[in-house]
Amino acid sequence: MTIYMQSLRTKTIHQAQLKLSKHRELGELSNLNVFEVADLLDKIRKANTKEVEENSLFFSVNMN
């Protein structure tokens, strides 16, 4: 189950980064609005935060 969640998180981050990259390249011609861009950035930040939390939890469990 954890491997599946990590894979899903990685896929979500990759897709969000790809959309943001396209948005950056297109500039004003991009069809993304401010709210969609903010949502993509939030997805990336939340996924990275969860990954750090899981890693720190795993590390603390292994230390005990």
PDB file of N, CA and C in Angstrom:
ATOM      1  N   MET A   1       0.818  -1.197   0.000  1.00  0.00           N
ATOM      2  CA  MET A   1       0.000   0.000   0.000  1.00  0.00           C
ATOM      3  C   MET A   1       0.863   1.262   0.000  1.00  0.00           C
ATOM      4  N   THR A   2       1.942   1.260   0.764  1.00  0.00           N
ATOM      5  CA  THR A   2       2.793   2.441   0.828  1.00  0.00           C
ATOM      6  C   THR A   2       3.488   2.703  -0.495  1.00  0.00           C
ATOM      7  N   ILE A   3       3.905   1.656  -1.159  1.00  0.00           N
ATOM      8  CA  ILE A   3       4.566   1.827  -2.456  1.00  0.00           C
ATOM      9  C   ILE A   3       3.599   2.445  -3.451  1.00  0.00           C
ATOM     10  N   TYR A   4       2.349   1.989  -3.404  1.00  0.00           N
ATOM     11  CA  TYR A   4       1.329   2.548  -4.294  1.00  0.00           C
ATOM     12  C   TYR A   4       1.141   4.038  -4.022  1.00  0.00           C
ATOM     13  N   MET A   5       1.068   4.422  -2.750  1.00  0.00           N
ATOM     14  CA  MET A   5       0.874   5.829  -2.387  1.00  0.00           C
ATOM     15  C   MET A   5       2.075   6.670  -2.811  1.00  0.00           C
ATOM     16  N   GLN A   6       3.278   6.140  -2.653  1.00  0.00           N
ATOM     17  CA  GLN A   6       4.471   6.871  -3.078  1.00  0.00           C
ATOM     18  C   GLN A   6       4.471   7.047  -4.593  1.00  0.00           C
ATOM     19  N   SER A   7       4.063   6.013  -5.307  1.00  0.00           N
ATOM     20  CA  SER A   7       4.009   6.082  -6.761  1.00  0.00           C
ATOM     21  C   SER A   7       2.973   7.107  -7.212  1.00  0.00           C
ATOM     22  N   LEU A   8       1.828   7.097  -6.559  1.00  0.00           N
ATOM     23  CA  LEU A   8       0.771   8.047  -6.882  1.00  0.00           C
ATOM     24  C   LEU A   8       1.220   9.472  -6.597  1.00  0.00           C
ATOM     25  N   ARG A   9       1.903   9.664  -5.469  1.00  0.00           N
ATOM     26  CA  ARG A   9       2.401  10.993  -5.116  1.00  0.00           C
ATOM     27  C   ARG A   9       3.434  11.465  -6.129  1.00  0.00           C
ATOM     28  N   THR A  10       4.326  10.575  -6.523  1.00  0.00           N
ATOM     29  CA  THR A  10       5.348  10.926  -7.504  1.00  0.00           C
ATOM     30  C   THR A  10       4.703  11.301  -8.836  1.00  0.00           C
ATOM     31  N   LYS A  11       3.710  10.546  -9.236  1.00  0.00           N
ATOM     32  CA  LYS A  11       3.012  10.826 -10.493  1.00  0.00           C
ATOM     33  C   LYS A  11       2.305  12.178 -10.425  1.00  0.00           C
ATOM     34  N   THR A  12       1.659  12.460  -9.309  1.00  0.00           N
ATOM     35  CA  THR A  12       0.956  13.729  -9.133  1.00  0.00           C
ATOM     36  C   THR A  12       1.928  14.904  -9.199  1.00  0.00           C
ATOM     37  N   ILE A  13       3.055  14.767  -8.517  1.00  0.00           N
ATOM     38  CA  ILE A  13       4.063  15.830  -8.532  1.00  0.00           C
ATOM     39  C   ILE A  13       4.588  16.037  -9.947  1.00  0.00           C
ATOM     40  N   HIS A  14       4.888  14.950 -10.621  1.00  0.00           N
ATOM     41  CA  HIS A  14       5.430  15.046 -11.974  1.00  0.00           C
ATOM     42  C   HIS A  14       4.440  15.733 -12.920  1.00  0.00           C
ATOM     43  N   GLN A  15       3.176  15.364 -12.848  1.00  0.00           N
ATOM     44  CA  GLN A  15       2.171  15.974 -13.711  1.00  0.00           C
ATOM     45  C   GLN A  15       2.004  17.463 -13.405  1.00  0.00           C
ATOM     46  N   ALA A  16       1.998  17.812 -12.126  1.00  0.00           N
ATOM     47  CA  ALA A  16       1.862  19.215 -11.742  1.00  0.00           C
ATOM     48  C   ALA A  16       3.069  20.022 -12.229  1.00  0.00           C
ATOM     49  N   GLN A  17       4.268  19.464 -12.080  1.00  0.00           N
ATOM     50  CA  GLN A  17       5.464  20.160 -12.545  1.00  0.00           C
ATOM     51  C   GLN A  17       5.456  20.327 -14.057  1.00  0.00           C
ATOM     52  N   LEU A  18       4.968  19.320 -14.770  1.00  0.00           N
ATOM     53  CA  LEU A  18       4.886  19.400 -16.221  1.00  0.00           C
ATOM     54  C   LEU A  18       3.917  20.499 -16.649  1.00  0.00           C
ATOM     55  N   LYS A  19       2.747  20.562 -16.018  1.00  0.00           N
ATOM     56  CA  LYS A  19       1.768  21.604 -16.343  1.00  0.00           C
ATOM     57  C   LYS A  19       2.323  22.987 -16.050  1.00  0.00           C
ATOM     58  N   LEU A  20       3.024  23.127 -14.914  1.00  0.00           N
ATOM     59  CA  LEU A  20       3.614  24.425 -14.577  1.00  0.00           C
ATOM     60  C   LEU A  20       4.716  24.805 -15.563  1.00  0.00           C
ATOM     61  N   SER A  21       5.471  23.818 -16.012  1.00  0.00           N
ATOM     62  CA  SER A  21       6.528  24.075 -16.984  1.00  0.00           C
ATOM     63  C   SER A  21       5.935  24.567 -18.305  1.00  0.00           C
ATOM     64  N   LYS A  22       4.871  23.907 -18.747  1.00  0.00           N
ATOM     65  CA  LYS A  22       4.200  24.350 -19.983  1.00  0.00           C
ATOM     66  C   LYS A  22       3.640  25.753 -19.812  1.00  0.00           C
ATOM     67  N   HIS A  23       3.043  26.010 -18.652  1.00  0.00           N
ATOM     68  CA  HIS A  23       2.485  27.331 -18.364  1.00  0.00           C
ATOM     69  C   HIS A  23       3.575  28.399 -18.427  1.00  0.00           C
ATOM     70  N   ARG A  24       4.740  28.086 -17.868  1.00  0.00           N
ATOM     71  CA  ARG A  24       5.860  29.020 -17.861  1.00  0.00           C
ATOM     72  C   ARG A  24       6.332  29.303 -19.288  1.00  0.00           C
ATOM     73  N   GLU A  25       6.398  28.261 -20.114  1.00  0.00           N
ATOM     74  CA  GLU A  25       6.844  28.431 -21.496  1.00  0.00           C
ATOM     75  C   GLU A  25       5.858  29.252 -22.322  1.00  0.00           C
ATOM     76  N   LEU A  26       4.556  29.004 -22.128  1.00  0.00           N
ATOM     77  CA  LEU A  26       3.546  29.695 -22.921  1.00  0.00           C
ATOM     78  C   LEU A  26       3.311  31.131 -22.467  1.00  0.00           C
ATOM     79  N   GLY A  27       3.583  31.399 -21.215  1.00  0.00           N
ATOM     80  CA  GLY A  27       3.404  32.751 -20.692  1.00  0.00           C
ATOM     81  C   GLY A  27       1.949  33.185 -20.757  1.00  0.00           C
ATOM     82  N   GLU A  28       1.687  34.315 -21.395  1.00  0.00           N
ATOM     83  CA  GLU A  28       0.331  34.854 -21.477  1.00  0.00           C
ATOM     84  C   GLU A  28      -0.590  34.001 -22.346  1.00  0.00           C
ATOM     85  N   LEU A  29      -0.035  33.161 -23.182  1.00  0.00           N
ATOM     86  CA  LEU A  29      -0.846  32.313 -24.056  1.00  0.00           C
ATOM     87  C   LEU A  29      -1.353  31.058 -23.342  1.00  0.00           C
ATOM     88  N   SER A  30      -0.916  30.843 -22.117  1.00  0.00           N
ATOM     89  CA  SER A  30      -1.330  29.675 -21.348  1.00  0.00           C
ATOM     90  C   SER A  30      -2.814  29.759 -21.007  1.00  0.00           C
ATOM     91  N   ASN A  31      -3.456  28.595 -20.983  1.00  0.00           N
ATOM     92  CA  ASN A  31      -4.884  28.573 -20.655  1.00  0.00           C
ATOM     93  C   ASN A  31      -5.137  28.368 -19.158  1.00  0.00           C
ATOM     94  N   LEU A  32      -4.089  28.298 -18.343  1.00  0.00           N
ATOM     95  CA  LEU A  32      -4.252  28.158 -16.900  1.00  0.00           C
ATOM     96  C   LEU A  32      -4.492  29.524 -16.267  1.00  0.00           C
ATOM     97  N   ASN A  33      -5.437  29.567 -15.323  1.00  0.00           N
ATOM     98  CA  ASN A  33      -5.640  30.827 -14.615  1.00  0.00           C
ATOM     99  C   ASN A  33      -4.853  30.795 -13.299  1.00  0.00           C
ATOM    100  N   VAL A  34      -4.907  31.867 -12.574  1.00  0.00           N
ATOM    101  CA  VAL A  34      -4.129  32.023 -11.348  1.00  0.00           C
ATOM    102  C   VAL A  34      -4.493  30.939 -10.328  1.00  0.00           C
ATOM    103  N   PHE A  35      -5.771  30.615 -10.236  1.00  0.00           N
ATOM    104  CA  PHE A  35      -6.216  29.634  -9.250  1.00  0.00           C
ATOM    105  C   PHE A  35      -5.729  28.232  -9.595  1.00  0.00           C
ATOM    106  N   GLU A  36      -5.694  27.897 -10.863  1.00  0.00           N
ATOM    107  CA  GLU A  36      -5.195  26.589 -11.280  1.00  0.00           C
ATOM    108  C   GLU A  36      -3.700  26.463 -11.008  1.00  0.00           C
ATOM    109  N   VAL A  37      -2.961  27.521 -11.264  1.00  0.00           N
ATOM    110  CA  VAL A  37      -1.521  27.523 -10.992  1.00  0.00           C
ATOM    111  C   VAL A  37      -1.279  27.383  -9.491  1.00  0.00           C
ATOM    112  N   ALA A  38      -2.043  28.124  -8.699  1.00  0.00           N
ATOM    113  CA  ALA A  38      -1.901  28.032  -7.239  1.00  0.00           C
ATOM    114  C   ALA A  38      -2.224  26.621  -6.753  1.00  0.00           C
ATOM    115  N   ASP A  39      -3.236  25.988  -7.337  1.00  0.00           N
ATOM    116  CA  ASP A  39      -3.598  24.624  -6.966  1.00  0.00           C
ATOM    117  C   ASP A  39      -2.469  23.648  -7.291  1.00  0.00           C
ATOM    118  N   LEU A  40      -1.846  23.815  -8.443  1.00  0.00           N
ATOM    119  CA  LEU A  40      -0.721  22.947  -8.812  1.00  0.00           C
ATOM    120  C   LEU A  40       0.451  23.130  -7.856  1.00  0.00           C
ATOM    121  N   LEU A  41       0.739  24.371  -7.507  1.00  0.00           N
ATOM    122  CA  LEU A  41       1.826  24.636  -6.559  1.00  0.00           C
ATOM    123  C   LEU A  41       1.520  24.038  -5.186  1.00  0.00           C
ATOM    124  N   ASP A  42       0.262  24.130  -4.766  1.00  0.00           N
ATOM    125  CA  ASP A  42      -0.135  23.532  -3.486  1.00  0.00           C
ATOM    126  C   ASP A  42       0.034  22.020  -3.506  1.00  0.00           C
ATOM    127  N   LYS A  43      -0.329  21.386  -4.608  1.00  0.00           N
ATOM    128  CA  LYS A  43      -0.182  19.933  -4.712  1.00  0.00           C
ATOM    129  C   LYS A  43       1.277  19.525  -4.551  1.00  0.00           C
ATOM    130  N   ILE A  44       2.164  20.266  -5.186  1.00  0.00           N
ATOM    131  CA  ILE A  44       3.592  19.959  -5.108  1.00  0.00           C
ATOM    132  C   ILE A  44       4.098  20.144  -3.678  1.00  0.00           C
ATOM    133  N   ARG A  45       3.727  21.266  -3.058  1.00  0.00           N
ATOM    134  CA  ARG A  45       4.181  21.537  -1.692  1.00  0.00           C
ATOM    135  C   ARG A  45       3.649  20.512  -0.701  1.00  0.00           C
ATOM    136  N   LYS A  46       2.374  20.180  -0.815  1.00  0.00           N
ATOM    137  CA  LYS A  46       1.772  19.208   0.109  1.00  0.00           C
ATOM    138  C   LYS A  46       2.414  17.835  -0.048  1.00  0.00           C
ATOM    139  N   ALA A  47       2.663  17.435  -1.275  1.00  0.00           N
ATOM    140  CA  ALA A  47       3.278  16.127  -1.510  1.00  0.00           C
ATOM    141  C   ALA A  47       4.690  16.089  -0.939  1.00  0.00           C
ATOM    142  N   ASN A  48       5.431  17.159  -1.132  1.00  0.00           N
ATOM    143  CA  ASN A  48       6.795  17.213  -0.588  1.00  0.00           C
ATOM    144  C   ASN A  48       6.782  17.225   0.932  1.00  0.00           C
ATOM    145  N   THR A  49       5.840  17.930   1.525  1.00  0.00           N
ATOM    146  CA  THR A  49       5.724  17.983   2.980  1.00  0.00           C
ATOM    147  C   THR A  49       5.391  16.615   3.544  1.00  0.00           C
ATOM    148  N   LYS A  50       4.451  15.917   2.917  1.00  0.00           N
ATOM    149  CA  LYS A  50       4.083  14.582   3.394  1.00  0.00           C
ATOM    150  C   LYS A  50       5.262  13.626   3.295  1.00  0.00           C
ATOM    151  N   GLU A  51       6.033  13.747   2.221  1.00  0.00           N
ATOM    152  CA  GLU A  51       7.185  12.866   2.042  1.00  0.00           C
ATOM    153  C   GLU A  51       8.205  13.094   3.156  1.00  0.00           C
ATOM    154  N   VAL A  52       8.456  14.340   3.491  1.00  0.00           N
ATOM    155  CA  VAL A  52       9.406  14.660   4.558  1.00  0.00           C
ATOM    156  C   VAL A  52       8.890  14.136   5.890  1.00  0.00           C
ATOM    157  N   GLU A  53       7.591  14.310   6.148  1.00  0.00           N
ATOM    158  CA  GLU A  53       7.013  13.830   7.398  1.00  0.00           C
ATOM    159  C   GLU A  53       7.121  12.306   7.502  1.00  0.00           C
ATOM    160  N   GLU A  54       6.829  11.611   6.404  1.00  0.00           N
ATOM    161  CA  GLU A  54       6.912  10.155   6.421  1.00  0.00           C
ATOM    162  C   GLU A  54       8.345   9.687   6.632  1.00  0.00           C
ATOM    163  N   ASN A  55       9.280  10.368   5.993  1.00  0.00           N
ATOM    164  CA  ASN A  55      10.685   9.998   6.165  1.00  0.00           C
ATOM    165  C   ASN A  55      11.148  10.227   7.594  1.00  0.00           C
ATOM    166  N   SER A  56      10.739  11.326   8.203  1.00  0.00           N
ATOM    167  CA  SER A  56      11.150  11.599   9.578  1.00  0.00           C
ATOM    168  C   SER A  56      10.480  10.620  10.540  1.00  0.00           C
ATOM    169  N   LEU A  57       9.238  10.242  10.274  1.00  0.00           N
ATOM    170  CA  LEU A  57       8.559   9.266  11.109  1.00  0.00           C
ATOM    171  C   LEU A  57       9.256   7.911  10.995  1.00  0.00           C
ATOM    172  N   PHE A  58       9.588   7.517   9.786  1.00  0.00           N
ATOM    173  CA  PHE A  58      10.277   6.261   9.552  1.00  0.00           C
ATOM    174  C   PHE A  58      11.630   6.259  10.255  1.00  0.00           C
ATOM    175  N   PHE A  59      12.341   7.376  10.179  1.00  0.00           N
ATOM    176  CA  PHE A  59      13.656   7.475  10.809  1.00  0.00           C
ATOM    177  C   PHE A  59      13.524   7.380  12.321  1.00  0.00           C
ATOM    178  N   SER A  60      12.540   8.053  12.904  1.00  0.00           N
ATOM    179  CA  SER A  60      12.388   8.031  14.362  1.00  0.00           C
ATOM    180  C   SER A  60      11.955   6.643  14.846  1.00  0.00           C
ATOM    181  N   VAL A  61      11.150   5.930  14.054  1.00  0.00           N
ATOM    182  CA  VAL A  61      10.737   4.584  14.425  1.00  0.00           C
ATOM    183  C   VAL A  61      11.927   3.640  14.383  1.00  0.00           C
ATOM    184  N   ASN A  62      12.776   3.799  13.386  1.00  0.00           N
ATOM    185  CA  ASN A  62      13.971   2.942  13.284  1.00  0.00           C
ATOM    186  C   ASN A  62      14.979   3.222  14.385  1.00  0.00           C
ATOM    187  N   MET A  63      15.016   4.422  14.895  1.00  0.00           N
ATOM    188  CA  MET A  63      15.966   4.761  15.943  1.00  0.00           C
ATOM    189  C   MET A  63      15.542   4.173  17.288  1.00  0.00           C
ATOM    190  N   ASN A  64      14.259   3.899  17.449  1.00  0.00           N
ATOM    191  CA  ASN A  64      13.776   3.353  18.734  1.00  0.00           C
ATOM    192  C   ASN A  64      13.874   1.911  18.687  1.00  0.00           C
TER     193      ASN A  64
END
